[in-house]
Protein backbone atom coordinates (compact mmCIF):
# COMPACT_ATOMS: atom_id res chain seq x y z
CA MET A 1 14.24 20.56 -221.87
CA ASN A 2 12.62 18.25 -219.46
CA VAL A 3 9.09 17.34 -220.15
CA PHE A 4 6.94 15.51 -217.67
CA ALA A 5 3.71 13.77 -218.38
CA LYS A 6 0.89 12.21 -216.17
CA PHE A 7 -1.97 10.03 -217.33
CA TYR A 8 -5.16 10.13 -215.18
CA ASP A 9 -8.83 9.33 -215.55
CA ARG A 10 -11.29 12.04 -215.65
CA MET A 11 -15.13 11.97 -215.86
CA VAL A 12 -16.35 13.73 -219.02
CA LYS A 13 -20.03 14.70 -219.70
CA THR A 14 -21.49 13.23 -222.83
CA ASP A 15 -24.26 14.47 -224.99
CA ASP A 16 -26.52 11.69 -223.70
CA ILE A 17 -29.27 11.99 -221.27
CA ASN A 18 -30.40 9.24 -218.80
CA GLU A 19 -33.97 8.68 -219.93
CA LYS A 20 -35.18 7.62 -216.35
CA THR A 21 -33.61 10.55 -214.49
CA GLY A 22 -33.24 13.19 -217.17
CA LEU A 23 -29.55 13.87 -215.92
CA PRO A 24 -26.50 13.99 -218.28
CA ILE A 25 -24.36 10.77 -218.57
CA PHE A 26 -20.70 11.00 -217.75
CA LYS A 27 -17.86 8.53 -218.92
CA GLU A 28 -14.34 7.93 -217.61
CA VAL A 29 -11.72 9.23 -220.11
CA CYS A 30 -7.93 8.87 -219.91
CA PHE A 31 -6.30 12.31 -219.96
CA VAL A 32 -2.68 13.27 -219.97
CA GLU A 33 -1.24 16.31 -218.39
CA ILE A 34 2.08 17.47 -220.00
CA ARG A 35 4.39 20.05 -218.28
CA ILE A 36 7.71 21.47 -218.99
CA LYS A 37 10.20 21.82 -216.05
CA ASN A 38 10.22 25.31 -214.57
CA ASN A 39 7.41 26.46 -216.71
CA ALA A 40 4.04 26.77 -214.79
CA THR A 41 2.08 28.45 -217.68
CA ASP A 42 2.59 26.07 -220.51
CA VAL A 43 0.57 23.03 -219.55
CA VAL A 44 -1.16 20.55 -221.97
CA ASP A 45 -4.17 18.86 -220.37
CA GLN A 46 -6.14 16.85 -222.91
CA PRO A 47 -7.64 13.33 -223.70
CA ALA A 48 -4.71 10.81 -224.08
CA THR A 49 -4.14 9.91 -227.84
CA GLU A 50 -2.17 6.98 -229.27
CA GLU A 51 0.63 9.48 -230.14
CA LYS A 52 0.91 10.71 -226.51
CA ILE A 53 0.85 7.12 -225.26
CA ARG A 54 3.88 6.26 -227.66
CA ARG A 55 5.54 9.49 -226.56
CA PHE A 56 5.32 8.80 -222.90
CA PRO A 57 5.41 4.93 -222.61
CA ALA A 58 6.94 4.88 -219.07
CA GLU A 59 4.28 7.19 -217.62
CA TYR A 60 1.36 5.28 -219.40
CA GLN A 61 2.64 2.22 -217.87
CA LEU A 62 2.71 3.80 -214.46
CA TYR A 63 -0.89 4.87 -215.08
CA LEU A 64 -1.91 1.30 -216.18
CA GLN A 65 -0.17 -0.19 -213.09
CA GLY A 66 -1.96 2.08 -210.71
CA LYS A 67 -5.26 1.13 -212.21
CA GLU A 68 -4.53 -2.46 -211.84
CA LYS A 69 -3.37 -1.98 -208.30
CA GLU A 70 -6.41 -0.03 -207.31
CA LYS A 71 -8.54 -2.92 -208.42
CA LYS A 72 -6.75 -5.15 -206.04
CA GLY A 73 -6.54 -2.92 -203.03
CA THR A 74 -7.96 0.26 -201.29
CA SER A 75 -7.66 3.27 -203.34
CA LEU A 76 -5.64 6.28 -201.58
CA SER A 77 -8.54 8.56 -202.35
CA LEU A 78 -10.92 6.57 -199.89
CA PHE A 79 -8.48 7.48 -197.07
CA ALA A 80 -9.58 10.87 -195.55
CA PHE A 81 -6.28 11.62 -193.80
CA LEU A 82 -4.45 12.09 -197.17
CA THR A 83 -4.69 15.34 -199.02
CA VAL A 84 -4.85 15.20 -202.77
CA SER A 85 -1.33 16.57 -203.01
CA GLU A 86 -0.24 13.66 -200.69
CA GLN A 87 -1.94 11.13 -202.85
CA GLU A 88 -0.33 12.47 -205.94
CA THR A 89 2.92 12.42 -204.26
CA LEU A 90 2.48 8.76 -203.38
CA ARG A 91 1.29 7.78 -206.85
CA SER A 92 4.24 9.48 -208.45
CA ARG A 93 6.38 6.98 -206.47
CA GLY A 94 4.37 4.09 -207.44
CA ILE A 95 2.22 3.78 -204.37
CA PHE A 96 -1.29 3.49 -205.54
CA THR A 97 -3.21 1.75 -202.61
CA LEU A 98 -3.51 2.15 -198.97
CA GLU A 99 -1.97 -1.47 -198.58
CA ASP A 100 1.05 -0.16 -200.51
CA PHE A 101 1.30 2.92 -198.22
CA VAL A 102 0.97 0.72 -195.00
CA SER A 103 3.78 -1.48 -196.01
CA LEU A 104 6.29 1.24 -196.66
CA PRO A 105 9.54 1.09 -194.42
CA LYS A 106 9.86 3.86 -191.82
CA ASN A 107 12.57 5.67 -193.52
CA LYS A 108 10.48 6.21 -196.66
CA VAL A 109 7.52 7.26 -194.62
CA ASP A 110 9.89 9.77 -192.87
CA SER A 111 11.17 11.02 -196.13
CA LEU A 112 7.68 11.61 -197.52
CA ASN A 113 6.87 13.52 -194.30
CA LEU A 114 3.73 11.37 -193.77
CA VAL A 115 4.43 9.86 -190.35
CA GLU A 116 1.03 10.71 -188.75
CA GLU A 117 -0.98 9.64 -191.86
CA HIS A 118 0.98 6.39 -191.97
CA LYS A 119 0.04 5.62 -188.44
CA LYS A 120 -3.63 6.51 -189.01
CA ALA A 121 -3.63 4.29 -192.26
CA LYS A 122 -2.11 1.45 -190.20
CA SER A 123 -4.89 1.72 -187.66
CA PHE A 124 -7.63 2.07 -190.51
CA MET A 125 -6.31 -1.12 -192.06
CA LYS A 126 -6.11 -3.02 -188.93
CA LEU A 127 -9.87 -2.15 -188.25
CA HIS A 128 -10.79 -2.93 -191.87
CA LYS A 129 -9.15 -6.27 -191.63
CA ASN A 130 -10.95 -6.98 -188.34
CA GLN A 131 -14.21 -5.94 -189.87
CA ALA A 132 -13.56 -8.45 -192.80
CA VAL A 133 -13.07 -11.23 -190.15
CA VAL A 134 -16.18 -10.16 -188.39
CA ASN A 135 -18.17 -10.31 -191.68
CA SER A 136 -16.89 -13.74 -192.45
CA LEU A 137 -17.76 -15.04 -189.00
CA THR A 138 -21.19 -13.54 -189.22
CA ALA A 139 -21.68 -15.32 -192.58
CA GLN A 140 -20.55 -18.62 -190.99
CA ILE A 141 -22.79 -18.21 -187.97
CA ASN A 142 -25.73 -17.60 -190.30
CA ALA A 143 -25.02 -20.62 -192.34
CA LEU A 144 -24.75 -22.81 -189.29
CA LYS A 145 -28.15 -21.28 -188.10
CA GLN A 146 -29.68 -22.32 -191.22
CA GLU A 147 -28.12 -25.76 -191.07
CA ASN A 148 -29.37 -26.11 -187.54
CA ALA A 149 -32.92 -25.18 -188.38
CA ARG A 150 -32.85 -27.72 -191.12
CA LEU A 151 -31.53 -30.56 -188.89
CA LYS A 152 -34.26 -29.62 -186.31
CA GLU A 153 -36.96 -29.88 -188.92
CA ALA A 154 -35.55 -33.25 -190.09
CA LEU A 155 -35.44 -34.56 -186.52
CA GLU A 156 -39.01 -33.39 -185.93
CA GLU A 157 -40.16 -35.22 -189.02
CA LYS A 158 -38.36 -38.41 -187.90
CA ASN A 159 -39.97 -38.18 -184.45
CA THR A 160 -43.49 -37.62 -186.02
CA VAL A 161 -42.98 -40.57 -188.21
CA ALA A 162 -41.72 -42.63 -185.26
CA THR A 163 -44.58 -41.64 -183.05
CA LYS A 164 -47.23 -42.55 -185.62
CA GLY A 165 -45.58 -45.95 -186.16
CA GLU A 166 -46.11 -46.94 -182.51
């Protein structure tokens, strides 16, 4: 019997209430979904326990790896051109970020049947990278403007002192 497990995060409502807004407080909880091959009715979907983590160590490591990669890259869920199903397909193959997806070789993209999405993702990443360059240059320009204003002020003070001394 083939058993498959997938660890994922789910937001769970707590009994606590935010005093300022009066709204319920949610927390992120690691869940595990366990399925048996060719059996769509018997699905276990519950918070992950130590026992489940020990039972499915490879799947849990894949979950941890995905969380770590998402911290360093752009989450697939932020890219509007991938459906939830396509995102899950990519994650099941160890592709957790848009950067991972964009770097896939053409034959893998073809086998996943995500050619158009891959083109759009490449275009998106190129624009995103260019925006980062623009933001960096804008910050540099602002720093230079401040330095320029400071130097002008110092020069004016020097000229004032020199004029008074004559």
